[in-house]
């Protein structure tokens, strides 16, 4: 279950590394992922929300019994 969000994490890092926040402003990927910057595309924001829900599902006891919704 710990690797079920791995694909989402890889896509999120790829998306943020291609954004202006990372390229132009020379911020780290972590800084760009934390804040809601206008230089981060809506696709990256959607991936961030999906990744958050995936990680939250790993600690939710009901989801742990049923299994986390894989990517």
C-alpha atoms as a PDB file:
ATOM      1  CA  UNK A   1       0.000   0.000   0.000  1.00  0.00           C
ATOM      2  CA  UNK A   2       2.890   2.373   0.531  1.00  0.00           C
ATOM      3  CA  UNK A   3       3.721   2.485  -3.173  1.00  0.00           C
ATOM      4  CA  UNK A   4       0.197   3.121  -4.443  1.00  0.00           C
ATOM      5  CA  UNK A   5       0.827   6.887  -4.673  1.00  0.00           C
ATOM      6  CA  UNK A   6       4.244   6.562  -6.297  1.00  0.00           C
ATOM      7  CA  UNK A   7       2.998   7.229  -9.832  1.00  0.00           C
ATOM      8  CA  UNK A   8       1.157  10.347  -8.711  1.00  0.00           C
ATOM      9  CA  UNK A   9       4.225  11.628  -6.904  1.00  0.00           C
ATOM     10  CA  UNK A  10       6.373  11.166 -10.003  1.00  0.00           C
ATOM     11  CA  UNK A  11       3.868  12.999 -12.199  1.00  0.00           C
ATOM     12  CA  UNK A  12       3.548  15.818  -9.667  1.00  0.00           C
ATOM     13  CA  UNK A  13       7.322  16.312  -9.552  1.00  0.00           C
ATOM     14  CA  UNK A  14       7.490  16.253 -13.359  1.00  0.00           C
ATOM     15  CA  UNK A  15       4.665  18.780 -13.664  1.00  0.00           C
ATOM     16  CA  UNK A  16       6.139  21.174 -11.104  1.00  0.00           C
ATOM     17  CA  UNK A  17       9.634  20.888 -12.576  1.00  0.00           C
ATOM     18  CA  UNK A  18       8.214  22.089 -15.916  1.00  0.00           C
ATOM     19  CA  UNK A  19       6.370  25.050 -14.342  1.00  0.00           C
ATOM     20  CA  UNK A  20       7.516  28.676 -14.319  1.00  0.00           C
ATOM     21  CA  UNK A  21       7.733  28.627 -10.537  1.00  0.00           C
ATOM     22  CA  UNK A  22      10.612  26.160 -10.759  1.00  0.00           C
ATOM     23  CA  UNK A  23      12.230  27.317 -14.006  1.00  0.00           C
ATOM     24  CA  UNK A  24      11.932  31.111 -13.885  1.00  0.00           C
ATOM     25  CA  UNK A  25      11.764  31.892 -10.164  1.00  0.00           C
ATOM     26  CA  UNK A  26      14.418  29.258  -9.282  1.00  0.00           C
ATOM     27  CA  UNK A  27      12.430  27.929  -6.322  1.00  0.00           C
ATOM     28  CA  UNK A  28      12.642  24.376  -5.104  1.00  0.00           C
ATOM     29  CA  UNK A  29      10.004  21.843  -6.062  1.00  0.00           C
ATOM     30  CA  UNK A  30       8.872  21.672  -2.446  1.00  0.00           C
ATOM     31  CA  UNK A  31       8.309  25.436  -2.281  1.00  0.00           C
ATOM     32  CA  UNK A  32       6.366  25.435  -5.531  1.00  0.00           C
ATOM     33  CA  UNK A  33       4.212  22.515  -4.370  1.00  0.00           C
ATOM     34  CA  UNK A  34       3.344  24.090  -1.015  1.00  0.00           C
ATOM     35  CA  UNK A  35       2.070  27.451  -2.118  1.00  0.00           C
ATOM     36  CA  UNK A  36      -0.701  28.323  -4.523  1.00  0.00           C
ATOM     37  CA  UNK A  37       1.397  30.312  -6.931  1.00  0.00           C
ATOM     38  CA  UNK A  38      -0.107  31.643 -10.177  1.00  0.00           C
ATOM     39  CA  UNK A  39       2.997  30.295 -11.932  1.00  0.00           C
ATOM     40  CA  UNK A  40       1.928  26.713 -11.219  1.00  0.00           C
ATOM     41  CA  UNK A  41      -0.565  25.329 -13.746  1.00  0.00           C
ATOM     42  CA  UNK A  42      -4.021  24.129 -12.792  1.00  0.00           C
ATOM     43  CA  UNK A  43      -2.976  20.623 -13.855  1.00  0.00           C
ATOM     44  CA  UNK A  44      -0.261  20.621 -11.189  1.00  0.00           C
ATOM     45  CA  UNK A  45      -2.714  21.884  -8.585  1.00  0.00           C
ATOM     46  CA  UNK A  46      -5.086  19.059  -9.506  1.00  0.00           C
ATOM     47  CA  UNK A  47      -2.269  16.516  -9.249  1.00  0.00           C
ATOM     48  CA  UNK A  48      -1.315  17.933  -5.855  1.00  0.00           C
ATOM     49  CA  UNK A  49      -4.883  17.521  -4.577  1.00  0.00           C
ATOM     50  CA  UNK A  50      -5.092  13.981  -5.947  1.00  0.00           C
ATOM     51  CA  UNK A  51      -1.751  13.088  -4.355  1.00  0.00           C
ATOM     52  CA  UNK A  52      -2.929  14.537  -1.041  1.00  0.00           C
ATOM     53  CA  UNK A  53      -6.099  12.440  -1.158  1.00  0.00           C
ATOM     54  CA  UNK A  54      -4.062   9.359  -2.001  1.00  0.00           C
ATOM     55  CA  UNK A  55      -1.733   9.893   0.972  1.00  0.00           C
ATOM     56  CA  UNK A  56      -4.689  10.626   3.251  1.00  0.00           C
ATOM     57  CA  UNK A  57      -6.290   7.372   2.120  1.00  0.00           C
ATOM     58  CA  UNK A  58      -3.247   5.482   3.338  1.00  0.00           C
ATOM     59  CA  UNK A  59      -3.830   6.518   6.942  1.00  0.00           C
ATOM     60  CA  UNK A  60      -7.644   6.283   6.851  1.00  0.00           C
ATOM     61  CA  UNK A  61      -8.585   3.044   8.576  1.00  0.00           C
ATOM     62  CA  UNK A  62     -11.639   2.458   6.391  1.00  0.00           C
ATOM     63  CA  UNK A  63      -9.538   2.834   3.252  1.00  0.00           C
ATOM     64  CA  UNK A  64      -6.801   0.632   4.684  1.00  0.00           C
ATOM     65  CA  UNK A  65      -9.259  -2.230   5.106  1.00  0.00           C
ATOM     66  CA  UNK A  66     -10.677  -1.828   1.604  1.00  0.00           C
ATOM     67  CA  UNK A  67      -7.349  -0.903   0.073  1.00  0.00           C
ATOM     68  CA  UNK A  68      -6.186   2.446  -1.212  1.00  0.00           C
ATOM     69  CA  UNK A  69      -7.496   3.394  -4.627  1.00  0.00           C
ATOM     70  CA  UNK A  70      -4.469   2.723  -6.762  1.00  0.00           C
ATOM     71  CA  UNK A  71      -3.171   4.953  -9.435  1.00  0.00           C
END
